[in-house]
Each structure stands twice: as C-alpha cells, then as structure tokens.
Amino acid sequence: MRPNFKSVLIVPVLCLAASFAEAASPSDQDEDPAADLSAPSLVELGAFTFQIEQPRHVTYVVTRMALSFDDAEAADYYSLAERVVRLRDSVFDALLGIRVDAVTGELNIEVLQDRVERQLAQRLSQPASIEVRVLGTQDVPRR
C-alpha cells in the first residue's frame, strides 16, 4: 500500500499539535512554586566512557554524571561551558585508575562516587554531590 500525500502530511502535523497541547497543559508541579526553590540545582556533566583493565578482559563502562548543588547561583556559575569542561577533566582524572571489587568482580558505584567527589572538591568552591547513573557495561576479552 502506497501512502498518499495527505497522510504523509497530516500525521506529523497531528503529532506536533498533540505535543504542543501536552506542553501547554498545566501540571501538578506548576502549582507549588516553593518546591522548585528547595530542590537542588543540577549541572549535567554528560556521558563518560572509561575502561577498567582486568587480567582476562577489559570492561568498558558508560556512565552519565551530574553535579547537584543546594544553591542555584552556584549551579549557574558551574554550568558555563568552560567550567563544565574543567569539571569533566577532573572526573576523568578520578576515573583514571578505578578498579573493580576484588571479591565480586563488579564496579562499586559508591566507591566511584566517593572518588569523583573527592577529586571535584579540589575544584569546587561550594559543596556538591555527584549523581552517577551507569548506562551500560561491556566486557571485551583480551587477545
């Protein structure tokens, strides 16, 4: 069956209109402006891919990291591109020698977060916590 011109044009327009209607509809979060003021501000550092070398294979880990500040002004200060690049460099320095747990053979996220927070504390004038989300891991055998 061959699509006609009208269906090719109408379907995307309807989807676009539905997305505008959803964005314009009031949500429960808009009713309480005080909740936005107490929420910490996030500075996205982006995705990181790093490798963990092991005797028989190399594990590649893909993570996404963000800094959480209590102060919105500090988040605005560190969200500039130049400062985000410097923070990413510090994160890569912290990830350089990371190892897996000797007993379980898995990456301990708490140790990773602690190591990155200690490295970033040297660069940050305000305290911040790091949020690490592991997006995936892949073991590649050595040749």
Protein backbone atom coordinates (compact mmCIF):
# COMPACT_ATOMS: atom_id res chain seq x y z
CA MET A 1 0.00 0.00 0.00
CA ARG A 2 1.37 3.33 -1.03
CA PRO A 3 0.88 6.27 1.36
CA ASN A 4 -0.82 9.24 -0.16
CA PHE A 5 0.30 12.83 0.21
CA LYS A 6 -2.40 13.75 2.72
CA SER A 7 -1.50 11.03 5.23
CA VAL A 8 2.21 11.85 4.95
CA LEU A 9 1.46 15.50 5.75
CA ILE A 10 -1.36 15.13 8.28
CA VAL A 11 0.17 12.56 10.66
CA PRO A 12 3.26 14.64 11.57
CA VAL A 13 1.11 17.75 11.97
CA LEU A 14 -1.23 15.92 14.35
CA CYS A 15 1.70 14.61 16.38
CA LEU A 16 3.18 18.11 16.59
CA ALA A 17 -0.16 19.56 17.71
CA ALA A 18 -0.52 16.86 20.38
CA SER A 19 2.95 17.61 21.74
CA PHE A 20 2.15 21.34 21.93
CA ALA A 21 -1.12 20.60 23.73
CA GLU A 22 0.69 18.38 26.24
CA ALA A 23 3.34 21.03 26.88
CA ALA A 24 0.72 23.75 27.35
CA SER A 25 -1.38 21.75 29.80
CA PRO A 26 -0.83 22.66 33.47
CA SER A 27 0.92 20.06 35.57
CA ASP A 28 0.92 19.35 39.29
CA GLN A 29 4.49 20.63 39.60
CA ASP A 30 3.50 24.14 38.47
CA GLU A 31 1.06 24.53 41.35
CA ASP A 32 3.75 24.56 44.06
CA PRO A 33 6.45 27.15 43.25
CA ALA A 34 8.08 26.66 46.67
CA ALA A 35 9.01 23.10 45.74
CA ASP A 36 11.24 24.39 42.91
CA LEU A 37 13.14 26.70 45.27
CA SER A 38 14.06 23.94 47.71
CA ALA A 39 15.11 21.45 45.01
CA PRO A 40 18.84 21.29 44.34
CA SER A 41 20.14 22.58 41.04
CA LEU A 42 21.81 20.16 38.65
CA VAL A 43 24.75 20.74 36.36
CA GLU A 44 24.94 17.98 33.76
CA LEU A 45 28.49 16.82 33.10
CA GLY A 46 27.40 14.47 30.35
CA ALA A 47 28.33 10.91 29.45
CA PHE A 48 31.64 9.28 30.30
CA THR A 49 33.11 6.12 28.84
CA PHE A 50 36.05 4.64 30.68
CA GLN A 51 37.78 1.29 30.78
CA ILE A 52 38.67 -0.96 33.67
CA GLU A 53 41.51 -3.31 32.84
CA GLN A 54 41.36 -6.80 34.29
CA PRO A 55 43.63 -9.84 33.74
CA ARG A 56 41.43 -11.61 31.18
CA HIS A 57 39.26 -8.84 29.80
CA VAL A 58 38.67 -5.10 29.68
CA THR A 59 35.37 -3.72 30.97
CA TYR A 60 34.06 -0.59 29.29
CA VAL A 61 31.66 1.40 31.44
CA VAL A 62 29.34 4.13 30.14
CA THR A 63 28.01 6.50 32.79
CA ARG A 64 26.13 9.76 32.93
CA MET A 65 27.06 12.22 35.69
CA ALA A 66 25.56 15.37 37.12
CA LEU A 67 26.51 17.65 39.98
CA SER A 68 23.82 18.58 42.47
CA PHE A 69 24.13 21.98 44.20
CA ASP A 70 21.97 23.36 47.00
CA ASP A 71 22.49 26.88 45.69
CA ALA A 72 21.06 27.88 42.29
CA GLU A 73 23.71 30.59 41.87
CA ALA A 74 26.50 28.04 42.23
CA ALA A 75 24.79 25.82 39.66
CA ASP A 76 24.56 28.77 37.25
CA TYR A 77 28.24 29.56 37.83
CA TYR A 78 29.40 26.00 37.13
CA SER A 79 27.04 25.41 34.20
CA LEU A 80 29.10 27.59 31.86
CA ALA A 81 30.76 25.53 29.13
CA GLU A 82 34.33 26.41 30.13
CA ARG A 83 33.75 25.33 33.74
CA VAL A 84 31.94 22.14 32.72
CA VAL A 85 34.95 21.15 30.60
CA ARG A 86 37.28 21.66 33.57
CA LEU A 87 34.99 19.63 35.80
CA ARG A 88 34.88 16.84 33.18
CA ASP A 89 38.71 16.84 33.15
CA SER A 90 38.69 16.37 36.92
CA VAL A 91 36.22 13.50 36.60
CA PHE A 92 38.45 11.79 34.02
CA ASP A 93 41.43 12.22 36.37
CA ALA A 94 39.43 10.48 39.12
CA LEU A 95 38.38 7.65 36.78
CA LEU A 96 41.90 7.00 35.54
CA GLY A 97 42.86 4.28 37.99
CA ILE A 98 39.47 2.90 39.03
CA ARG A 99 39.36 -0.85 39.67
CA VAL A 100 36.63 -3.41 40.22
CA ASP A 101 35.94 -5.03 43.58
CA ALA A 102 38.39 -7.90 44.14
CA VAL A 103 35.77 -10.17 45.71
CA THR A 104 32.72 -9.65 43.49
CA GLY A 105 34.47 -8.56 40.30
CA GLU A 106 31.97 -5.72 39.83
CA LEU A 107 32.24 -1.95 39.84
CA ASN A 108 31.21 -0.41 43.17
CA ILE A 109 29.24 2.76 42.39
CA GLU A 110 29.62 4.16 45.92
CA VAL A 111 33.42 3.97 45.67
CA LEU A 112 33.25 5.59 42.24
CA GLN A 113 31.06 8.43 43.55
CA ASP A 114 33.30 8.99 46.57
CA ARG A 115 36.42 9.12 44.42
CA VAL A 116 34.89 11.58 41.95
CA GLU A 117 33.51 13.78 44.78
CA ARG A 118 36.94 13.97 46.43
CA GLN A 119 38.54 14.95 43.11
CA LEU A 120 35.90 17.59 42.38
CA ALA A 121 36.12 19.04 45.91
CA GLN A 122 39.52 20.43 44.92
CA ARG A 123 37.94 22.42 42.07
CA LEU A 124 34.63 23.48 43.62
CA SER A 125 34.22 26.42 45.96
CA GLN A 126 30.81 25.13 47.10
CA PRO A 127 29.95 21.61 48.23
CA ALA A 128 28.18 19.46 45.71
CA SER A 129 27.15 15.85 45.43
CA ILE A 130 27.66 13.78 42.31
CA GLU A 131 24.95 11.68 40.75
CA VAL A 132 26.25 8.73 38.74
CA ARG A 133 24.00 6.66 36.51
CA VAL A 134 25.55 3.63 34.87
CA LEU A 135 24.12 3.32 31.38
CA GLY A 136 25.89 0.11 30.47
CA THR A 137 28.93 -2.09 30.73
CA GLN A 138 30.62 -4.32 28.19
CA ASP A 139 33.34 -6.89 28.80
CA VAL A 140 35.78 -7.36 25.92
CA PRO A 141 38.16 -10.34 26.14
CA ARG A 142 41.85 -9.76 25.71
CA ARG A 143 43.53 -11.27 22.67
